[in-house]
C-alpha atoms as a PDB file:
ATOM      1  CA  MET A   1       0.109  -0.047  -0.006  1.00  0.00           C
ATOM      2  CA  PRO A   2       1.696   3.393  -0.925  1.00  0.00           C
ATOM      3  CA  GLU A   3       2.648   5.550   2.094  1.00  0.00           C
ATOM      4  CA  SER A   4       0.246   8.286   1.085  1.00  0.00           C
ATOM      5  CA  ILE A   5      -2.915   6.316   1.620  1.00  0.00           C
ATOM      6  CA  ASN A   6      -3.674   5.206   5.234  1.00  0.00           C
ATOM      7  CA  GLY A   7      -5.820   2.338   6.409  1.00  0.00           C
ATOM      8  CA  ALA A   8      -8.517   4.887   7.290  1.00  0.00           C
ATOM      9  CA  HIS A   9      -8.839   5.730   3.699  1.00  0.00           C
ATOM     10  CA  VAL A  10      -8.817   1.998   2.736  1.00  0.00           C
ATOM     11  CA  ILE A  11     -11.582   1.367   5.146  1.00  0.00           C
ATOM     12  CA  GLY A  12     -13.837   4.394   3.686  1.00  0.00           C
ATOM     13  CA  LEU A  13     -13.289   3.339   0.249  1.00  0.00           C
ATOM     14  CA  ALA A  14     -14.113  -0.350   0.981  1.00  0.00           C
ATOM     15  CA  PHE A  15     -17.209   0.625   2.972  1.00  0.00           C
ATOM     16  CA  ARG A  16     -18.474   2.843   0.182  1.00  0.00           C
ATOM     17  CA  ARG A  17     -17.927   0.421  -2.391  1.00  0.00           C
ATOM     18  CA  TYR A  18     -19.668  -2.427  -0.421  1.00  0.00           C
ATOM     19  CA  ASN A  19     -22.733  -0.113   0.114  1.00  0.00           C
ATOM     20  CA  VAL A  20     -22.994   0.835  -3.427  1.00  0.00           C
ATOM     21  CA  ALA A  21     -22.595  -2.859  -4.614  1.00  0.00           C
ATOM     22  CA  LEU A  22     -25.761  -3.610  -2.382  1.00  0.00           C
ATOM     23  CA  GLY A  23     -27.569  -0.787  -3.961  1.00  0.00           C
ATOM     24  CA  ARG A  24     -27.796   1.120  -0.599  1.00  0.00           C
ATOM     25  CA  GLY A  25     -25.750   4.213  -1.961  1.00  0.00           C
ATOM     26  CA  PHE A  26     -22.870   5.706   0.103  1.00  0.00           C
ATOM     27  CA  PRO A  27     -22.898   5.447   3.871  1.00  0.00           C
ATOM     28  CA  ARG A  28     -24.182   8.530   5.983  1.00  0.00           C
ATOM     29  CA  ARG A  29     -20.885   8.539   7.854  1.00  0.00           C
ATOM     30  CA  PRO A  30     -17.666   6.795   7.747  1.00  0.00           C
ATOM     31  CA  GLN A  31     -17.573   3.621   9.817  1.00  0.00           C
ATOM     32  CA  ARG A  32     -14.532   1.362  11.102  1.00  0.00           C
ATOM     33  CA  ARG A  33     -15.394  -2.034  10.327  1.00  0.00           C
ATOM     34  CA  TYR A  34     -14.058  -5.276  11.477  1.00  0.00           C
ATOM     35  CA  GLY A  35     -11.118  -3.737  13.545  1.00  0.00           C
ATOM     36  CA  TRP A  36      -9.180  -3.128  10.394  1.00  0.00           C
ATOM     37  CA  ARG A  37      -5.563  -1.349  11.059  1.00  0.00           C
ATOM     38  CA  SER A  38      -2.778  -0.373   8.707  1.00  0.00           C
ATOM     39  CA  GLY A  39       0.729  -1.849   9.011  1.00  0.00           C
ATOM     40  CA  SER A  40       0.882  -5.520  10.003  1.00  0.00           C
ATOM     41  CA  ASN A  41      -2.646  -6.017   9.501  1.00  0.00           C
ATOM     42  CA  ALA A  42      -2.594  -4.881   5.838  1.00  0.00           C
ATOM     43  CA  ALA A  43      -3.132  -8.365   4.739  1.00  0.00           C
ATOM     44  CA  CYS A  44      -6.621  -8.490   6.233  1.00  0.00           C
ATOM     45  CA  GLN A  45      -7.622  -5.397   4.415  1.00  0.00           C
ATOM     46  CA  ILE A  46      -6.910  -6.841   1.197  1.00  0.00           C
ATOM     47  CA  HIS A  47      -9.450  -9.735   2.073  1.00  0.00           C
ATOM     48  CA  GLU A  48     -12.204  -7.332   3.062  1.00  0.00           C
ATOM     49  CA  ARG A  49     -11.700  -4.966   0.020  1.00  0.00           C
ATOM     50  CA  ASN A  50     -11.664  -7.912  -2.647  1.00  0.00           C
ATOM     51  CA  PRO A  51     -12.326 -11.320  -1.490  1.00  0.00           C
ATOM     52  CA  THR A  52     -11.014 -12.757  -4.932  1.00  0.00           C
ATOM     53  CA  MET A  53      -7.563 -11.573  -3.656  1.00  0.00           C
ATOM     54  CA  ILE A  54      -7.566 -14.455  -1.084  1.00  0.00           C
ATOM     55  CA  ARG A  55      -6.733 -16.845  -3.730  1.00  0.00           C
ATOM     56  CA  GLU A  56      -3.469 -14.840  -4.853  1.00  0.00           C
ATOM     57  CA  VAL A  57      -1.864 -14.205  -1.530  1.00  0.00           C
ATOM     58  CA  SER A  58       1.045 -16.183   0.035  1.00  0.00           C
ATOM     59  CA  VAL A  59       0.313 -18.702   2.694  1.00  0.00           C
ATOM     60  CA  GLN A  60       2.236 -16.369   5.365  1.00  0.00           C
ATOM     61  CA  ARG A  61       0.078 -13.511   4.261  1.00  0.00           C
ATOM     62  CA  LEU A  62      -3.086 -15.818   4.804  1.00  0.00           C
ATOM     63  CA  LEU A  63      -2.066 -17.045   8.069  1.00  0.00           C
ATOM     64  CA  ASP A  64      -1.318 -13.528   9.326  1.00  0.00           C
ATOM     65  CA  ALA A  65      -4.699 -12.354   7.980  1.00  0.00           C
ATOM     66  CA  LEU A  66      -6.437 -15.767   9.744  1.00  0.00           C
ATOM     67  CA  ALA A  67      -4.586 -14.576  12.969  1.00  0.00           C
ATOM     68  CA  GLY A  68      -5.387 -10.840  12.572  1.00  0.00           C
ATOM     69  CA  PRO A  69      -8.256  -8.597  14.077  1.00  0.00           C
ATOM     70  CA  SER A  70     -10.386  -9.083  10.970  1.00  0.00           C
ATOM     71  CA  ALA A  71     -13.458 -11.566  10.882  1.00  0.00           C
ATOM     72  CA  THR A  72     -12.572 -12.668   7.315  1.00  0.00           C
ATOM     73  CA  PRO A  73     -11.167 -14.843   6.198  1.00  0.00           C
ATOM     74  CA  GLY A  74     -12.545 -17.165   8.742  1.00  0.00           C
ATOM     75  CA  GLY A  75     -13.625 -20.555   9.196  1.00  0.00           C
ATOM     76  CA  GLY A  76     -15.420 -21.270   6.221  1.00  0.00           C
ATOM     77  CA  SER A  77     -12.920 -19.717   3.730  1.00  0.00           C
ATOM     78  CA  THR A  78     -10.327 -21.934   5.919  1.00  0.00           C
ATOM     79  CA  ALA A  79     -12.242 -24.908   5.251  1.00  0.00           C
ATOM     80  CA  ALA A  80     -12.596 -24.341   1.579  1.00  0.00           C
ATOM     81  CA  ILE A  81      -8.875 -23.563   1.043  1.00  0.00           C
ATOM     82  CA  MET A  82      -8.141 -27.066   3.239  1.00  0.00           C
ATOM     83  CA  GLY A  83     -10.560 -28.812   1.129  1.00  0.00           C
ATOM     84  CA  ALA A  84      -8.918 -27.486  -2.146  1.00  0.00           C
ATOM     85  CA  MET A  85      -5.677 -28.476  -0.813  1.00  0.00           C
ATOM     86  CA  GLY A  86      -6.862 -31.997  -0.302  1.00  0.00           C
ATOM     87  CA  ALA A  87      -8.268 -32.213  -3.748  1.00  0.00           C
ATOM     88  CA  ALA A  88      -5.001 -30.820  -5.117  1.00  0.00           C
ATOM     89  CA  LEU A  89      -3.316 -33.884  -3.321  1.00  0.00           C
ATOM     90  CA  VAL A  90      -5.564 -36.160  -4.913  1.00  0.00           C
ATOM     91  CA  SER A  91      -4.782 -34.719  -8.299  1.00  0.00           C
ATOM     92  CA  MET A  92      -1.025 -35.189  -7.542  1.00  0.00           C
ATOM     93  CA  VAL A  93      -1.533 -38.860  -6.695  1.00  0.00           C
ATOM     94  CA  CYS A  94      -3.368 -39.364  -9.819  1.00  0.00           C
ATOM     95  CA  ILE A  95      -0.690 -37.469 -11.975  1.00  0.00           C
ATOM     96  CA  LEU A  96       1.863 -39.602 -10.205  1.00  0.00           C
ATOM     97  CA  THR A  97       0.187 -42.611 -11.063  1.00  0.00           C
ATOM     98  CA  LEU A  98      -0.883 -42.152 -14.629  1.00  0.00           C
ATOM     99  CA  GLY A  99       1.662 -43.590 -17.057  1.00  0.00           C
ATOM    100  CA  LYS A 100       3.281 -46.095 -14.423  1.00  0.00           C
ATOM    101  CA  LYS A 101       3.590 -49.649 -15.956  1.00  0.00           C
ATOM    102  CA  GLY A 102       2.136 -51.185 -12.852  1.00  0.00           C
ATOM    103  CA  TYR A 103      -1.219 -49.206 -12.895  1.00  0.00           C
ATOM    104  CA  VAL A 104      -2.087 -49.450 -16.514  1.00  0.00           C
ATOM    105  CA  GLU A 105      -5.295 -51.486 -15.512  1.00  0.00           C
ATOM    106  CA  VAL A 106      -6.442 -48.521 -13.435  1.00  0.00           C
ATOM    107  CA  GLU A 107      -5.492 -45.555 -15.701  1.00  0.00           C
ATOM    108  CA  ASP A 108      -9.020 -44.852 -17.053  1.00  0.00           C
ATOM    109  CA  GLN A 109      -9.973 -44.620 -13.466  1.00  0.00           C
ATOM    110  CA  MET A 110      -7.036 -42.633 -12.454  1.00  0.00           C
ATOM    111  CA  LYS A 111      -7.932 -39.927 -15.216  1.00  0.00           C
ATOM    112  CA  GLU A 112     -11.811 -39.883 -14.043  1.00  0.00           C
ATOM    113  CA  VAL A 113     -10.563 -39.087 -10.369  1.00  0.00           C
ATOM    114  CA  LEU A 114      -8.046 -36.724 -11.666  1.00  0.00           C
ATOM    115  CA  ASN A 115     -10.993 -34.828 -13.564  1.00  0.00           C
ATOM    116  CA  GLN A 116     -13.280 -34.964 -10.498  1.00  0.00           C
ATOM    117  CA  ALA A 117     -10.475 -33.719  -8.144  1.00  0.00           C
ATOM    118  CA  GLN A 118      -9.873 -30.872 -10.440  1.00  0.00           C
ATOM    119  CA  ALA A 119     -13.508 -29.870 -10.599  1.00  0.00           C
ATOM    120  CA  VAL A 120     -13.861 -29.920  -6.956  1.00  0.00           C
ATOM    121  CA  ARG A 121     -10.869 -28.224  -6.404  1.00  0.00           C
ATOM    122  CA  LYS A 122     -11.971 -25.266  -8.704  1.00  0.00           C
ATOM    123  CA  ARG A 123     -15.556 -25.223  -6.939  1.00  0.00           C
ATOM    124  CA  LEU A 124     -14.019 -25.199  -3.465  1.00  0.00           C
ATOM    125  CA  THR A 125     -11.573 -22.138  -4.678  1.00  0.00           C
ATOM    126  CA  SER A 126     -14.574 -19.994  -5.593  1.00  0.00           C
ATOM    127  CA  MET A 127     -16.278 -20.885  -2.058  1.00  0.00           C
ATOM    128  CA  ILE A 128     -13.466 -19.091  -0.251  1.00  0.00           C
ATOM    129  CA  GLU A 129     -14.736 -16.138  -1.864  1.00  0.00           C
ATOM    130  CA  ASP A 130     -18.528 -17.144  -1.326  1.00  0.00           C
ATOM    131  CA  ASP A 131     -17.897 -17.469   2.435  1.00  0.00           C
ATOM    132  CA  VAL A 132     -16.169 -13.853   2.763  1.00  0.00           C
ATOM    133  CA  ARG A 133     -19.195 -12.296   0.575  1.00  0.00           C
ATOM    134  CA  ALA A 134     -21.794 -14.002   2.845  1.00  0.00           C
ATOM    135  CA  TYR A 135     -20.145 -12.948   5.959  1.00  0.00           C
ATOM    136  CA  GLY A 136     -19.941  -9.514   4.563  1.00  0.00           C
ATOM    137  CA  ARG A 137     -23.587  -9.465   3.773  1.00  0.00           C
ATOM    138  CA  VAL A 138     -24.000 -10.198   7.651  1.00  0.00           C
ATOM    139  CA  MET A 139     -22.031  -7.332   8.876  1.00  0.00           C
ATOM    140  CA  GLY A 140     -23.654  -5.079   6.132  1.00  0.00           C
ATOM    141  CA  ALA A 141     -27.041  -6.269   7.721  1.00  0.00           C
ATOM    142  CA  TYR A 142     -25.958  -5.521  11.261  1.00  0.00           C
ATOM    143  CA  ALA A 143     -24.695  -2.105  10.018  1.00  0.00           C
ATOM    144  CA  LEU A 144     -28.337  -1.204   8.640  1.00  0.00           C
ATOM    145  CA  PRO A 145     -30.195   1.903  10.616  1.00  0.00           C
ATOM    146  CA  ARG A 146     -32.414   0.869  13.589  1.00  0.00           C
ATOM    147  CA  GLY A 147     -33.703   4.363  14.371  1.00  0.00           C
ATOM    148  CA  THR A 148     -37.435   3.436  13.727  1.00  0.00           C
ATOM    149  CA  ASP A 149     -39.699   0.546  14.257  1.00  0.00           C
ATOM    150  CA  ALA A 150     -39.604   0.144  10.328  1.00  0.00           C
ATOM    151  CA  GLU A 151     -35.905   0.308  10.133  1.00  0.00           C
ATOM    152  CA  ARG A 152     -35.741  -2.220  12.909  1.00  0.00           C
ATOM    153  CA  ALA A 153     -38.040  -4.631  11.129  1.00  0.00           C
ATOM    154  CA  ILE A 154     -36.187  -4.255   7.829  1.00  0.00           C
ATOM    155  CA  ARG A 155     -32.836  -4.716   9.685  1.00  0.00           C
ATOM    156  CA  SER A 156     -34.242  -7.763  11.546  1.00  0.00           C
ATOM    157  CA  GLU A 157     -35.289  -9.409   8.411  1.00  0.00           C
ATOM    158  CA  ALA A 158     -31.835  -8.615   6.454  1.00  0.00           C
ATOM    159  CA  ILE A 159     -30.006 -10.053   9.442  1.00  0.00           C
ATOM    160  CA  GLN A 160     -32.069 -13.306   9.284  1.00  0.00           C
ATOM    161  CA  GLU A 161     -31.691 -13.530   5.686  1.00  0.00           C
ATOM    162  CA  ALA A 162     -27.668 -12.889   5.674  1.00  0.00           C
ATOM    163  CA  LEU A 163     -27.480 -15.259   8.434  1.00  0.00           C
ATOM    164  CA  THR A 164     -29.134 -18.123   6.566  1.00  0.00           C
ATOM    165  CA  GLU A 165     -27.073 -17.342   3.391  1.00  0.00           C
ATOM    166  CA  ALA A 166     -23.930 -17.437   5.776  1.00  0.00           C
ATOM    167  CA  THR A 167     -24.772 -20.862   6.909  1.00  0.00           C
ATOM    168  CA  LEU A 168     -25.319 -22.321   3.545  1.00  0.00           C
ATOM    169  CA  ALA A 169     -21.770 -21.024   2.312  1.00  0.00           C
ATOM    170  CA  PRO A 170     -19.977 -23.424   4.627  1.00  0.00           C
ATOM    171  CA  LEU A 171     -22.467 -25.978   4.419  1.00  0.00           C
ATOM    172  CA  ALA A 172     -22.118 -26.371   0.531  1.00  0.00           C
ATOM    173  CA  CYS A 173     -18.105 -26.328   1.399  1.00  0.00           C
ATOM    174  CA  ALA A 174     -18.503 -29.035   3.608  1.00  0.00           C
ATOM    175  CA  ARG A 175     -20.516 -31.230   1.203  1.00  0.00           C
ATOM    176  CA  ALA A 176     -17.825 -30.358  -1.476  1.00  0.00           C
ATOM    177  CA  CYS A 177     -15.183 -31.313   1.086  1.00  0.00           C
ATOM    178  CA  GLY A 178     -16.957 -34.770   1.313  1.00  0.00           C
ATOM    179  CA  GLU A 179     -16.479 -35.229  -2.377  1.00  0.00           C
ATOM    180  CA  VAL A 180     -12.588 -35.269  -1.958  1.00  0.00           C
END
């Protein structure tokens, strides 16, 4: 991150972009979310701003983000990553087995297992982002105004919908992990 941009600027931009994406316009006032900080927690900021970045960071930065003050990436994203790693290991075993003289009779099965493992790995990798987005919607619902009875009702309904969706993302991940 350039020195001229501090964590507060990143937070403000991310929150505005999040609200605009949800069709809620710009927030009335800047809000600090998820305990973001600049410096050593910069890895966390990347994931909140752009969930697709999780796939592109080093293992060390991912571990720093998991250990940091941000709620995402969290357990669902981590489960998806671990499932994708398991599928990658299955792919490795298949690739190492293909073409070996002692395994000619199972080569067709190995090719099928390889194709399935690669497909599941791809699905699990996209589930990393699904989990982050689902949790972001939960936090967005909690941030809705609650000054009037009507606002509280809308907020309550939005929270329940977001929480339901937030449980579906890790459930889908668990099912996909079971396929590995």
